[in-house]
């Protein structure tokens, strides 16, 4: 993993984990132990899903820019299908509060995306590689 990718991962995972702790507390207060469990599971799911995406795109960036795009799209599609599978498999589970889970997933996703945007805007990283200038004779620009 490249250092810039690791910084992005840390810059988004830490605020998401803190927001996850707040979601667990809110789930506990509003839904009891089942609400806290739902929010805790949502925190793990969101952080795991987005971390896997960052790692996959970082690994693909070592190969080529086209592979980065393919990895990003493939990880997005995989996350959608995995979330559908989780919802389908656990639709009748009463061990946790499903509303606390759903609202926590939405809130933590927004926190993660916001943290990534904030980190990207604060990072002064060149995204265009300019060709190197070859030193040559100085042009005479006097009138």
Protein backbone atom coordinates (compact mmCIF):
# COMPACT_ATOMS: atom_id res chain seq x y z
CA UNK A 1 0.00 0.00 0.00
CA UNK A 2 1.31 3.40 -0.94
CA UNK A 3 1.82 5.94 1.85
CA UNK A 4 -0.82 8.27 0.39
CA UNK A 5 -3.35 5.45 0.39
CA UNK A 6 -2.51 4.58 3.98
CA UNK A 7 -3.07 8.22 4.96
CA UNK A 8 -6.45 8.21 3.21
CA UNK A 9 -7.37 4.99 4.99
CA UNK A 10 -6.39 6.38 8.39
CA UNK A 11 -8.00 9.73 7.62
CA UNK A 12 -11.35 8.06 6.97
CA UNK A 13 -11.24 5.07 9.31
CA UNK A 14 -10.53 7.03 12.48
CA UNK A 15 -13.47 9.47 12.13
CA UNK A 16 -15.70 6.55 11.11
CA UNK A 17 -14.66 4.55 14.16
CA UNK A 18 -15.38 7.54 16.39
CA UNK A 19 -18.76 8.03 14.72
CA UNK A 20 -19.34 4.30 15.14
CA UNK A 21 -18.75 4.62 18.88
CA UNK A 22 -21.28 7.46 18.94
CA UNK A 23 -23.71 5.30 16.93
CA UNK A 24 -23.31 2.45 19.42
CA UNK A 25 -24.03 4.85 22.27
CA UNK A 26 -27.06 6.27 20.44
CA UNK A 27 -28.24 2.73 19.67
CA UNK A 28 -27.87 1.83 23.33
CA UNK A 29 -29.83 4.85 24.46
CA UNK A 30 -32.57 4.57 21.84
CA UNK A 31 -32.84 0.82 21.31
CA UNK A 32 -31.21 -0.80 24.29
CA UNK A 33 -28.70 -3.60 23.93
CA UNK A 34 -30.15 -4.68 20.58
CA UNK A 35 -29.74 -1.15 19.22
CA UNK A 36 -26.14 -1.02 20.39
CA UNK A 37 -25.43 -4.40 18.79
CA UNK A 38 -27.00 -3.28 15.51
CA UNK A 39 -24.90 -0.12 15.48
CA UNK A 40 -21.74 -2.06 16.37
CA UNK A 41 -22.30 -4.51 13.52
CA UNK A 42 -22.94 -1.59 11.16
CA UNK A 43 -19.67 0.00 12.24
CA UNK A 44 -17.73 -3.18 11.49
CA UNK A 45 -19.46 -3.62 8.12
CA UNK A 46 -18.85 -0.04 6.94
CA UNK A 47 -15.22 0.10 8.04
CA UNK A 48 -14.50 -3.33 6.56
CA UNK A 49 -16.23 -2.60 3.24
CA UNK A 50 -14.51 0.72 2.68
CA UNK A 51 -11.13 -0.51 3.89
CA UNK A 52 -11.26 -3.40 1.44
CA UNK A 53 -12.00 -0.94 -1.36
CA UNK A 54 -9.05 1.29 -0.47
CA UNK A 55 -6.71 -1.70 -0.29
CA UNK A 56 -7.99 -3.12 -3.61
CA UNK A 57 -7.62 0.20 -5.44
CA UNK A 58 -4.19 0.77 -3.88
CA UNK A 59 -3.02 -2.65 -5.03
CA UNK A 60 -4.47 -2.09 -8.51
CA UNK A 61 -2.74 1.29 -8.78
CA UNK A 62 0.60 -0.54 -8.82
CA UNK A 63 -0.50 -2.27 -12.02
CA UNK A 64 -2.10 0.53 -14.06
CA UNK A 65 -4.64 3.34 -14.01
CA UNK A 66 -7.12 1.19 -15.90
CA UNK A 67 -6.82 -1.49 -13.23
CA UNK A 68 -7.51 1.13 -10.55
CA UNK A 69 -10.81 1.96 -12.21
CA UNK A 70 -11.68 -1.71 -12.67
CA UNK A 71 -10.86 -2.45 -9.02
CA UNK A 72 -12.96 0.48 -7.83
CA UNK A 73 -15.98 -0.54 -9.91
CA UNK A 74 -15.63 -4.23 -9.06
CA UNK A 75 -15.32 -3.51 -5.32
CA UNK A 76 -18.37 -1.23 -5.49
CA UNK A 77 -20.47 -3.88 -7.24
CA UNK A 78 -19.22 -6.53 -4.81
CA UNK A 79 -20.17 -4.36 -1.84
CA UNK A 80 -23.67 -3.84 -3.21
CA UNK A 81 -24.20 -7.59 -3.67
CA UNK A 82 -22.67 -8.32 -0.26
CA UNK A 83 -25.00 -5.80 1.38
CA UNK A 84 -28.00 -7.35 -0.41
CA UNK A 85 -26.87 -10.75 0.83
CA UNK A 86 -26.46 -9.49 4.40
CA UNK A 87 -29.91 -7.91 4.35
CA UNK A 88 -31.48 -11.06 2.87
CA UNK A 89 -29.77 -13.47 5.25
CA UNK A 90 -30.38 -11.40 8.37
CA UNK A 91 -33.84 -10.04 7.50
CA UNK A 92 -35.59 -12.14 10.16
CA UNK A 93 -32.91 -11.92 12.84
CA UNK A 94 -34.12 -10.43 16.11
CA UNK A 95 -30.76 -10.45 17.89
CA UNK A 96 -30.20 -6.79 17.02
CA UNK A 97 -32.23 -3.76 16.07
CA UNK A 98 -32.33 -3.60 12.27
CA UNK A 99 -33.28 0.08 12.25
CA UNK A 100 -30.23 0.95 14.33
CA UNK A 101 -28.15 -1.09 11.90
CA UNK A 102 -29.61 0.64 8.84
CA UNK A 103 -29.33 4.19 10.16
CA UNK A 104 -25.81 3.53 11.41
CA UNK A 105 -24.74 2.21 8.00
CA UNK A 106 -26.11 5.33 6.32
CA UNK A 107 -24.54 7.70 8.86
CA UNK A 108 -21.15 5.97 8.89
CA UNK A 109 -21.05 5.82 5.10
CA UNK A 110 -21.60 9.58 4.98
CA UNK A 111 -18.91 10.10 7.63
CA UNK A 112 -16.43 7.92 5.70
CA UNK A 113 -17.08 9.68 2.40
CA UNK A 114 -16.93 13.11 4.04
CA UNK A 115 -13.64 12.23 5.75
CA UNK A 116 -12.16 11.01 2.46
CA UNK A 117 -13.24 14.20 0.71
CA UNK A 118 -11.83 16.34 3.53
CA UNK A 119 -8.53 14.46 3.49
CA UNK A 120 -8.27 14.68 -0.29
CA UNK A 121 -8.94 18.42 -0.29
CA UNK A 122 -6.36 19.05 2.42
CA UNK A 123 -3.68 16.97 0.70
CA UNK A 124 -1.52 18.92 -1.69
CA UNK A 125 -0.88 16.11 -4.15
CA UNK A 126 -0.08 16.55 -7.81
CA UNK A 127 -2.41 14.57 -9.99
CA UNK A 128 -0.90 15.50 -13.35
CA UNK A 129 2.59 14.40 -14.22
CA UNK A 130 4.21 17.11 -16.28
CA UNK A 131 7.05 16.17 -18.59
CA UNK A 132 10.46 17.23 -17.37
CA UNK A 133 11.78 20.43 -18.86
CA UNK A 134 15.10 19.99 -20.61
CA UNK A 135 17.47 22.84 -20.02
CA UNK A 136 18.33 24.61 -23.22
CA UNK A 137 19.69 27.95 -24.31
CA UNK A 138 17.82 30.84 -22.77
CA UNK A 139 15.56 32.56 -25.24
CA UNK A 140 16.25 36.21 -25.85
CA UNK A 141 13.00 38.04 -25.23
CA UNK A 142 14.25 41.56 -25.33
CA UNK A 143 12.55 43.94 -27.82
